[in-house]
Amino acid sequence: IRMYIKSPGGRMFWDGLKLKIPLAKNVMIPLTTVRFCRTFSTLLSSGMPMLQALSIVMNVVNNKVVSEQLSETSEDIRKGMSLTNSIRRVSVFPPMLQSMISIGEESGSLESMLDNTSDYYNDVLENSISKMIALIEPIMIVIMAGVVVFIILAIMLPMLQIYQSI
């Protein structure tokens, strides 16, 4: 399985799956959005050209599906399309991000809009993680109870057999 995931097709499948599984997507989509917004905002505010910043962001998002879609976005911008119109093709990003990029592009404050958006989605990410932990806690308690019962039975059954033989 590891060899398959390390292959290009397997990595694409695995990253796509992470964006579709209900519990995982509630964490992966905000995480990818935060990585995109923070990195893109930082690179643009430091004076880096948009196309070069996008090529760096493609590696930072750490998801092959999003990276491929950002590559198409980069090509669209290179052809003269606006960032707003080309980012709409990235299906993973929420509509709010697309609206914020549109507003930032029109007002000339794209960096600050991306920074504000990353702050918002960072809060969404923290809430998603806390909800996921709240769902996993009862499952872990049941598993731990099963392990404890197994250990107690493993100790008590031989003792009972010894008492019966006496």
N, C-alpha and C. Protein backbone atom coordinates (compact mmCIF):
# COMPACT_ATOMS: atom_id res chain seq x y z
N ILE A 1 0.84 -1.20 0.00
CA ILE A 1 0.00 0.00 0.00
C ILE A 1 0.88 1.24 0.00
N ARG A 2 1.97 1.21 0.77
CA ARG A 2 2.87 2.37 0.81
C ARG A 2 3.51 2.62 -0.56
N MET A 3 3.89 1.55 -1.23
CA MET A 3 4.50 1.70 -2.56
C MET A 3 3.50 2.32 -3.53
N TYR A 4 2.24 1.89 -3.44
CA TYR A 4 1.22 2.44 -4.32
C TYR A 4 0.98 3.92 -4.03
N ILE A 5 0.93 4.28 -2.74
CA ILE A 5 0.70 5.68 -2.37
C ILE A 5 1.86 6.56 -2.80
N LYS A 6 3.07 6.01 -2.82
CA LYS A 6 4.24 6.79 -3.24
C LYS A 6 4.30 6.98 -4.75
N SER A 7 3.59 6.15 -5.50
CA SER A 7 3.58 6.32 -6.96
C SER A 7 2.72 7.53 -7.32
N PRO A 8 2.95 8.14 -8.48
CA PRO A 8 2.18 9.34 -8.84
C PRO A 8 0.66 9.11 -8.89
N GLY A 9 0.25 7.99 -9.48
CA GLY A 9 -1.19 7.70 -9.55
C GLY A 9 -1.77 7.41 -8.18
N GLY A 10 -1.02 6.68 -7.37
CA GLY A 10 -1.49 6.36 -6.03
C GLY A 10 -1.58 7.59 -5.14
N ARG A 11 -0.61 8.48 -5.30
CA ARG A 11 -0.63 9.72 -4.52
C ARG A 11 -1.83 10.58 -4.90
N MET A 12 -2.12 10.61 -6.19
CA MET A 12 -3.28 11.37 -6.66
C MET A 12 -4.57 10.77 -6.10
N PHE A 13 -4.66 9.44 -6.12
CA PHE A 13 -5.85 8.75 -5.59
C PHE A 13 -5.98 9.00 -4.09
N TRP A 14 -4.88 8.85 -3.35
CA TRP A 14 -4.91 9.00 -1.90
C TRP A 14 -5.27 10.43 -1.50
N ASP A 15 -4.67 11.42 -2.17
CA ASP A 15 -4.98 12.82 -1.86
C ASP A 15 -6.42 13.16 -2.22
N GLY A 16 -6.92 12.60 -3.31
CA GLY A 16 -8.32 12.81 -3.68
C GLY A 16 -9.26 12.17 -2.68
N LEU A 17 -8.86 11.00 -2.17
CA LEU A 17 -9.67 10.30 -1.18
C LEU A 17 -9.74 11.08 0.13
N LYS A 18 -8.61 11.68 0.52
CA LYS A 18 -8.59 12.47 1.75
C LYS A 18 -9.53 13.68 1.66
N LEU A 19 -9.78 14.14 0.44
CA LEU A 19 -10.68 15.29 0.26
C LEU A 19 -12.14 14.88 0.16
N LYS A 20 -12.41 13.54 0.14
CA LYS A 20 -13.79 13.07 0.00
C LYS A 20 -14.33 12.34 1.22
N ILE A 21 -13.45 11.75 2.03
CA ILE A 21 -13.90 11.02 3.23
C ILE A 21 -14.47 12.04 4.22
N PRO A 22 -15.68 11.79 4.76
CA PRO A 22 -16.35 12.81 5.59
C PRO A 22 -15.52 13.39 6.73
N LEU A 23 -14.95 12.58 7.60
CA LEU A 23 -14.19 13.14 8.72
C LEU A 23 -12.90 13.81 8.26
N ALA A 24 -12.25 13.20 7.28
CA ALA A 24 -10.97 13.73 6.81
C ALA A 24 -11.15 15.03 6.04
N LYS A 25 -12.20 15.13 5.24
CA LYS A 25 -12.36 16.35 4.44
C LYS A 25 -12.67 17.56 5.30
N ASN A 26 -13.31 17.33 6.46
CA ASN A 26 -13.59 18.45 7.36
C ASN A 26 -12.32 19.04 7.94
N VAL A 27 -11.24 18.30 7.89
CA VAL A 27 -9.95 18.80 8.35
C VAL A 27 -9.07 19.19 7.17
N MET A 28 -9.07 18.38 6.12
CA MET A 28 -8.15 18.59 5.00
C MET A 28 -8.47 19.85 4.18
N ILE A 29 -9.73 20.12 3.97
CA ILE A 29 -10.08 21.30 3.15
C ILE A 29 -9.68 22.60 3.86
N PRO A 30 -10.04 22.80 5.15
CA PRO A 30 -9.56 24.02 5.81
C PRO A 30 -8.04 24.06 5.93
N LEU A 31 -7.40 22.90 6.15
CA LEU A 31 -5.94 22.87 6.26
C LEU A 31 -5.29 23.31 4.95
N THR A 32 -5.78 22.79 3.86
CA THR A 32 -5.25 23.17 2.55
C THR A 32 -5.51 24.65 2.27
N THR A 33 -6.68 25.13 2.65
CA THR A 33 -7.02 26.54 2.43
C THR A 33 -6.12 27.44 3.26
N VAL A 34 -5.87 27.07 4.51
CA VAL A 34 -5.00 27.88 5.37
C VAL A 34 -3.58 27.90 4.81
N ARG A 35 -3.07 26.75 4.39
CA ARG A 35 -1.72 26.70 3.83
C ARG A 35 -1.61 27.57 2.58
N PHE A 36 -2.63 27.47 1.72
CA PHE A 36 -2.63 28.28 0.50
C PHE A 36 -2.64 29.76 0.83
N CYS A 37 -3.60 30.18 1.67
CA CYS A 37 -3.76 31.61 1.98
C CYS A 37 -2.54 32.20 2.66
N ARG A 38 -2.05 31.53 3.68
CA ARG A 38 -0.90 32.06 4.43
C ARG A 38 0.34 32.18 3.55
N THR A 39 0.63 31.11 2.84
CA THR A 39 1.85 31.12 2.01
C THR A 39 1.73 32.13 0.88
N PHE A 40 0.59 32.13 0.20
CA PHE A 40 0.40 33.04 -0.93
C PHE A 40 0.44 34.48 -0.46
N SER A 41 -0.19 34.77 0.69
CA SER A 41 -0.19 36.12 1.24
C SER A 41 1.23 36.56 1.60
N THR A 42 1.96 35.68 2.25
CA THR A 42 3.33 36.03 2.66
C THR A 42 4.21 36.28 1.45
N LEU A 43 4.11 35.43 0.45
CA LEU A 43 4.95 35.59 -0.74
C LEU A 43 4.59 36.85 -1.52
N LEU A 44 3.30 37.14 -1.64
CA LEU A 44 2.89 38.35 -2.37
C LEU A 44 3.29 39.62 -1.60
N SER A 45 3.15 39.59 -0.28
CA SER A 45 3.50 40.79 0.49
C SER A 45 5.00 41.04 0.52
N SER A 46 5.79 39.99 0.27
CA SER A 46 7.24 40.19 0.22
C SER A 46 7.71 40.66 -1.16
N GLY A 47 6.77 40.80 -2.09
CA GLY A 47 7.12 41.35 -3.39
C GLY A 47 7.36 40.32 -4.48
N MET A 48 7.07 39.08 -4.23
CA MET A 48 7.28 38.04 -5.23
C MET A 48 6.19 38.11 -6.30
N PRO A 49 6.55 37.90 -7.56
CA PRO A 49 5.53 37.88 -8.62
C PRO A 49 4.51 36.76 -8.39
N MET A 50 3.29 36.98 -8.85
CA MET A 50 2.19 36.06 -8.59
C MET A 50 2.45 34.66 -9.14
N LEU A 51 2.97 34.56 -10.34
CA LEU A 51 3.20 33.23 -10.93
C LEU A 51 4.26 32.45 -10.17
N GLN A 52 5.30 33.14 -9.75
CA GLN A 52 6.35 32.47 -8.99
C GLN A 52 5.81 32.06 -7.61
N ALA A 53 5.00 32.92 -7.01
CA ALA A 53 4.40 32.60 -5.71
C ALA A 53 3.47 31.39 -5.84
N LEU A 54 2.71 31.32 -6.92
CA LEU A 54 1.82 30.16 -7.13
C LEU A 54 2.60 28.87 -7.28
N SER A 55 3.75 28.93 -7.96
CA SER A 55 4.54 27.71 -8.14
C SER A 55 5.09 27.23 -6.80
N ILE A 56 5.39 28.13 -5.89
CA ILE A 56 5.86 27.73 -4.56
C ILE A 56 4.69 27.19 -3.74
N VAL A 57 3.54 27.84 -3.85
CA VAL A 57 2.36 27.41 -3.09
C VAL A 57 1.92 26.01 -3.51
N MET A 58 2.12 25.65 -4.77
CA MET A 58 1.76 24.31 -5.24
C MET A 58 2.45 23.23 -4.42
N ASN A 59 3.68 23.47 -4.03
CA ASN A 59 4.41 22.49 -3.23
C ASN A 59 4.03 22.54 -1.76
N VAL A 60 3.61 23.70 -1.27
CA VAL A 60 3.32 23.87 0.15
C VAL A 60 1.98 23.24 0.53
N VAL A 61 1.00 23.24 -0.36
CA VAL A 61 -0.32 22.72 0.00
C VAL A 61 -0.28 21.23 0.30
N ASN A 62 0.73 20.51 -0.19
CA ASN A 62 0.97 19.11 0.15
C ASN A 62 -0.22 18.22 -0.20
N ASN A 63 -0.87 18.52 -1.31
CA ASN A 63 -1.95 17.70 -1.82
C ASN A 63 -1.85 17.72 -3.34
N LYS A 64 -1.66 16.55 -3.93
CA LYS A 64 -1.41 16.45 -5.37
C LYS A 64 -2.59 16.94 -6.20
N VAL A 65 -3.82 16.67 -5.73
CA VAL A 65 -5.01 17.10 -6.47
C VAL A 65 -5.07 18.63 -6.53
N VAL A 66 -4.88 19.27 -5.40
CA VAL A 66 -4.91 20.74 -5.34
C VAL A 66 -3.74 21.31 -6.10
N SER A 67 -2.60 20.65 -6.01
CA SER A 67 -1.41 21.12 -6.71
C SER A 67 -1.62 21.11 -8.23
N GLU A 68 -2.25 20.07 -8.73
CA GLU A 68 -2.55 20.00 -10.17
C GLU A 68 -3.52 21.10 -10.58
N GLN A 69 -4.53 21.35 -9.75
CA GLN A 69 -5.49 22.40 -10.07
C GLN A 69 -4.85 23.78 -9.99
N LEU A 70 -3.92 23.97 -9.05
CA LEU A 70 -3.20 25.24 -8.98
C LEU A 70 -2.26 25.42 -10.17
N SER A 71 -1.76 24.31 -10.69
CA SER A 71 -0.94 24.38 -11.89
C SER A 71 -1.76 24.89 -13.07
N GLU A 72 -2.99 24.40 -13.18
CA GLU A 72 -3.90 24.89 -14.23
C GLU A 72 -4.22 26.37 -14.00
N THR A 73 -4.38 26.77 -12.74
CA THR A 73 -4.63 28.17 -12.40
C THR A 73 -3.46 29.03 -12.84
N SER A 74 -2.26 28.55 -12.60
CA SER A 74 -1.06 29.27 -13.01
C SER A 74 -1.01 29.45 -14.52
N GLU A 75 -1.37 28.40 -15.25
CA GLU A 75 -1.40 28.49 -16.72
C GLU A 75 -2.46 29.51 -17.17
N ASP A 76 -3.62 29.51 -16.52
CA ASP A 76 -4.67 30.47 -16.88
C ASP A 76 -4.21 31.90 -16.64
N ILE A 77 -3.51 32.14 -15.53
CA ILE A 77 -3.01 33.49 -15.24
C ILE A 77 -1.95 33.87 -16.25
N ARG A 78 -1.12 32.92 -16.62
CA ARG A 78 -0.09 33.17 -17.63
C ARG A 78 -0.73 33.56 -18.96
N LYS A 79 -1.92 33.02 -19.25
CA LYS A 79 -2.63 33.33 -20.49
C LYS A 79 -3.38 34.66 -20.42
N GLY A 80 -3.44 35.26 -19.21
CA GLY A 80 -4.07 36.57 -19.09
C GLY A 80 -5.36 36.59 -18.30
N MET A 81 -5.79 35.46 -17.78
CA MET A 81 -7.01 35.41 -16.99
C MET A 81 -6.73 35.98 -15.60
N SER A 82 -7.73 36.54 -14.97
CA SER A 82 -7.53 37.09 -13.63
C SER A 82 -7.43 35.96 -12.61
N LEU A 83 -6.85 36.27 -11.47
CA LEU A 83 -6.71 35.28 -10.40
C LEU A 83 -8.08 34.82 -9.92
N THR A 84 -9.02 35.74 -9.84
CA THR A 84 -10.36 35.42 -9.36
C THR A 84 -11.01 34.36 -10.24
N ASN A 85 -10.97 34.58 -11.55
CA ASN A 85 -11.62 33.63 -12.46
C ASN A 85 -10.88 32.29 -12.52
N SER A 86 -9.58 32.34 -12.43
CA SER A 86 -8.83 31.09 -12.53
C SER A 86 -8.89 30.28 -11.23
N ILE A 87 -9.01 30.94 -10.08
CA ILE A 87 -9.06 30.21 -8.82
C ILE A 87 -10.40 29.52 -8.64
N ARG A 88 -11.40 29.94 -9.36
CA ARG A 88 -12.71 29.29 -9.28
C ARG A 88 -12.66 27.86 -9.81
N ARG A 89 -11.66 27.55 -10.61
CA ARG A 89 -11.51 26.19 -11.15
C ARG A 89 -10.98 25.21 -10.11
N VAL A 90 -10.40 25.73 -9.03
CA VAL A 90 -9.91 24.86 -7.96
C VAL A 90 -11.11 24.46 -7.13
N SER A 91 -11.57 23.25 -7.34
CA SER A 91 -12.84 22.80 -6.73
C SER A 91 -12.75 22.63 -5.23
N VAL A 92 -11.56 22.48 -4.69
CA VAL A 92 -11.40 22.22 -3.25
C VAL A 92 -11.64 23.49 -2.44
N PHE A 93 -11.24 24.62 -2.95
CA PHE A 93 -11.34 25.85 -2.17
C PHE A 93 -12.80 26.26 -1.99
N PRO A 94 -13.14 26.69 -0.77
CA PRO A 94 -14.51 27.10 -0.48
C PRO A 94 -14.89 28.38 -1.23
N PRO A 95 -16.18 28.57 -1.45
CA PRO A 95 -16.63 29.77 -2.16
C PRO A 95 -16.23 31.08 -1.47
N MET A 96 -16.12 31.05 -0.14
CA MET A 96 -15.74 32.27 0.58
C MET A 96 -14.34 32.72 0.20
N LEU A 97 -13.43 31.77 0.01
CA LEU A 97 -12.07 32.11 -0.41
C LEU A 97 -12.10 32.77 -1.78
N GLN A 98 -12.90 32.22 -2.67
CA GLN A 98 -13.01 32.79 -4.01
C GLN A 98 -13.55 34.21 -3.95
N SER A 99 -14.54 34.44 -3.09
CA SER A 99 -15.09 35.80 -2.94
C SER A 99 -14.07 36.74 -2.34
N MET A 100 -13.33 36.28 -1.36
CA MET A 100 -12.32 37.14 -0.72
C MET A 100 -11.20 37.49 -1.70
N ILE A 101 -10.82 36.54 -2.52
CA ILE A 101 -9.80 36.84 -3.53
C ILE A 101 -10.32 37.86 -4.52
N SER A 102 -11.59 37.72 -4.90
CA SER A 102 -12.20 38.68 -5.82
C SER A 102 -12.22 40.08 -5.22
N ILE A 103 -12.62 40.18 -3.96
CA ILE A 103 -12.67 41.49 -3.29
C ILE A 103 -11.26 42.05 -3.14
N GLY A 104 -10.31 41.20 -2.76
CA GLY A 104 -8.93 41.66 -2.59
C GLY A 104 -8.31 42.12 -3.88
N GLU A 105 -8.64 41.43 -4.96
CA GLU A 105 -8.09 41.81 -6.26
C GLU A 105 -8.68 43.14 -6.73
N GLU A 106 -9.98 43.33 -6.50
CA GLU A 106 -10.63 44.57 -6.92
C GLU A 106 -10.16 45.76 -6.08
N SER A 107 -9.96 45.53 -4.78
CA SER A 107 -9.58 46.64 -3.90
C SER A 107 -8.08 46.88 -3.85
N GLY A 108 -7.30 45.94 -4.37
CA GLY A 108 -5.85 46.09 -4.37
C GLY A 108 -5.19 45.66 -3.07
N SER A 109 -5.94 45.00 -2.22
CA SER A 109 -5.38 44.54 -0.95
C SER A 109 -5.50 43.01 -0.84
N LEU A 110 -5.01 42.34 -1.85
CA LEU A 110 -5.12 40.88 -1.91
C LEU A 110 -4.39 40.22 -0.75
N GLU A 111 -3.22 40.75 -0.39
CA GLU A 111 -2.43 40.14 0.68
C GLU A 111 -3.18 40.15 2.01
N SER A 112 -3.78 41.30 2.34
CA SER A 112 -4.49 41.39 3.62
C SER A 112 -5.77 40.54 3.61
N MET A 113 -6.44 40.47 2.47
CA MET A 113 -7.63 39.63 2.37
C MET A 113 -7.26 38.16 2.54
N LEU A 114 -6.15 37.74 1.93
CA LEU A 114 -5.71 36.36 2.08
C LEU A 114 -5.31 36.07 3.52
N ASP A 115 -4.69 37.04 4.16
CA ASP A 115 -4.30 36.87 5.56
C ASP A 115 -5.53 36.75 6.46
N ASN A 116 -6.53 37.59 6.24
CA ASN A 116 -7.77 37.51 7.02
C ASN A 116 -8.50 36.19 6.78
N THR A 117 -8.50 35.76 5.52
CA THR A 117 -9.14 34.49 5.18
C THR A 117 -8.42 33.32 5.84
N SER A 118 -7.11 33.38 5.88
CA SER A 118 -6.36 32.29 6.52
C SER A 118 -6.64 32.27 8.02
N ASP A 119 -6.80 33.43 8.64
CA ASP A 119 -7.15 33.47 10.07
C ASP A 119 -8.52 32.82 10.31
N TYR A 120 -9.48 33.14 9.44
CA TYR A 120 -10.82 32.57 9.58
C TYR A 120 -10.78 31.05 9.42
N TYR A 121 -10.12 30.57 8.37
CA TYR A 121 -10.09 29.13 8.14
C TYR A 121 -9.20 28.40 9.15
N ASN A 122 -8.29 29.11 9.78
CA ASN A 122 -7.53 28.51 10.87
C ASN A 122 -8.46 28.23 12.06
N ASP A 123 -9.38 29.15 12.34
CA ASP A 123 -10.38 28.93 13.38
C ASP A 123 -11.30 27.77 13.01
N VAL A 124 -11.71 27.71 11.74
CA VAL A 124 -12.55 26.61 11.26
C VAL A 124 -11.82 25.29 11.43
N LEU A 125 -10.53 25.28 11.11
CA LEU A 125 -9.72 24.08 11.25
C LEU A 125 -9.63 23.62 12.70
N GLU A 126 -9.40 24.56 13.60
CA GLU A 126 -9.34 24.21 15.02
C GLU A 126 -10.66 23.63 15.51
N ASN A 127 -11.77 24.21 15.08
CA ASN A 127 -13.09 23.69 15.46
C ASN A 127 -13.31 22.29 14.89
N SER A 128 -12.90 22.07 13.66
CA SER A 128 -13.06 20.75 13.03
C SER A 128 -12.24 19.70 13.76
N ILE A 129 -11.03 20.06 14.14
CA ILE A 129 -10.18 19.11 14.86
C ILE A 129 -10.77 18.79 16.23
N SER A 130 -11.27 19.81 16.92
CA SER A 130 -11.85 19.55 18.25
C SER A 130 -13.11 18.69 18.14
N LYS A 131 -13.92 18.89 17.10
CA LYS A 131 -15.10 18.05 16.89
C LYS A 131 -14.70 16.61 16.57
N MET A 132 -13.66 16.45 15.75
CA MET A 132 -13.20 15.11 15.41
C MET A 132 -12.67 14.40 16.65
N ILE A 133 -11.95 15.11 17.49
CA ILE A 133 -11.43 14.52 18.73
C ILE A 133 -12.60 14.13 19.64
N ALA A 134 -13.62 14.97 19.69
CA ALA A 134 -14.79 14.66 20.52
C ALA A 134 -15.49 13.40 20.01
N LEU A 135 -15.46 13.16 18.71
CA LEU A 135 -16.07 11.94 18.16
C LEU A 135 -15.20 10.71 18.41
N ILE A 136 -13.90 10.89 18.41
CA ILE A 136 -12.98 9.76 18.55
C ILE A 136 -12.83 9.34 20.02
N GLU A 137 -13.00 10.26 20.97
CA GLU A 137 -12.81 9.95 22.39
C GLU A 137 -13.66 8.77 22.87
N PRO A 138 -14.98 8.73 22.60
CA PRO A 138 -15.76 7.58 23.07
C PRO A 138 -15.31 6.25 22.45
N ILE A 139 -14.90 6.30 21.21
CA ILE A 139 -14.42 5.09 20.55
C ILE A 139 -13.15 4.59 21.23
N MET A 140 -12.26 5.51 21.55
CA MET A 140 -11.03 5.13 22.24
C MET A 140 -11.30 4.57 23.63
N ILE A 141 -12.28 5.11 24.33
CA ILE A 141 -12.63 4.61 25.66
C ILE A 141 -13.14 3.18 25.55
N VAL A 142 -13.99 2.90 24.58
CA VAL A 142 -14.51 1.54 24.39
C VAL A 142 -13.37 0.58 24.04
N ILE A 143 -12.45 0.99 23.20
CA ILE A 143 -11.31 0.13 22.84
C ILE A 143 -10.45 -0.14 24.06
N MET A 144 -10.17 0.89 24.84
CA MET A 144 -9.36 0.70 26.04
C MET A 144 -10.07 -0.20 27.05
N ALA A 145 -11.38 -0.07 27.19
CA ALA A 145 -12.14 -0.95 28.08
C ALA A 145 -12.03 -2.40 27.62
N GLY A 146 -12.10 -2.61 26.31
CA GLY A 146 -11.94 -3.97 25.76
C GLY A 146 -10.56 -4.54 26.06
N VAL A 147 -9.53 -3.73 25.96
CA VAL A 147 -8.17 -4.19 26.26
C VAL A 147 -8.05 -4.55 27.74
N VAL A 148 -8.61 -3.71 28.61
CA VAL A 148 -8.55 -3.98 30.04
C VAL A 148 -9.31 -5.26 30.38
N VAL A 149 -10.49 -5.45 29.81
CA VAL A 149 -11.25 -6.68 30.04
C VAL A 149 -10.46 -7.89 29.55
N PHE A 150 -9.83 -7.79 28.41
CA PHE A 150 -9.02 -8.89 27.88
C PHE A 150 -7.88 -9.24 28.84
N ILE A 151 -7.20 -8.24 29.37
CA ILE A 151 -6.09 -8.48 30.30
C ILE A 151 -6.60 -9.11 31.59
N ILE A 152 -7.71 -8.63 32.11
CA ILE A 152 -8.27 -9.20 33.34
C ILE A 152 -8.67 -10.66 33.11
N LEU A 153 -9.31 -10.94 31.97
CA LEU A 153 -9.69 -12.32 31.67
C LEU A 153 -8.46 -13.20 31.49
N ALA A 154 -7.42 -12.67 30.88
CA ALA A 154 -6.20 -13.44 30.68
C ALA A 154 -5.54 -13.80 32.01
N ILE A 155 -5.73 -12.99 33.02
CA ILE A 155 -5.17 -13.28 34.34
C ILE A 155 -6.12 -14.17 35.14
N MET A 156 -7.41 -13.89 35.11
CA MET A 156 -8.38 -14.58 35.96
C MET A 156 -8.70 -16.00 35.49
N LEU A 157 -8.80 -16.26 34.21
CA LEU A 157 -9.16 -17.59 33.72
C LEU A 157 -8.16 -18.67 34.14
N PRO A 158 -6.86 -18.45 34.01
CA PRO A 158 -5.93 -19.48 34.50
C PRO A 158 -6.03 -19.68 36.01
N MET A 159 -6.29 -18.60 36.76
CA MET A 159 -6.43 -18.75 38.20
C MET A 159 -7.67 -19.58 38.53
N LEU A 160 -8.76 -19.37 37.83
CA LEU A 160 -9.97 -20.15 38.06
C LEU A 160 -9.74 -21.62 37.70
N GLN A 161 -9.01 -21.89 36.64
CA GLN A 161 -8.70 -23.28 36.27
C GLN A 161 -7.83 -23.97 37.33
N ILE A 162 -6.95 -23.22 37.93
CA ILE A 162 -6.10 -23.78 39.00
C ILE A 162 -6.96 -24.11 40.21
N TYR A 163 -7.91 -23.20 40.56
CA TYR A 163 -8.81 -23.46 41.70
C TYR A 163 -9.69 -24.68 41.45
N GLN A 164 -10.15 -24.86 40.22
CA GLN A 164 -10.99 -26.00 39.90
C GLN A 164 -10.22 -27.31 39.97
N SER A 165 -8.97 -27.28 39.60
CA SER A 165 -8.18 -28.51 39.64
C SER A 165 -7.78 -28.90 41.05
N ILE A 166 -7.82 -27.96 41.97
CA ILE A 166 -7.47 -28.26 43.36
C ILE A 166 -8.67 -28.88 43.97
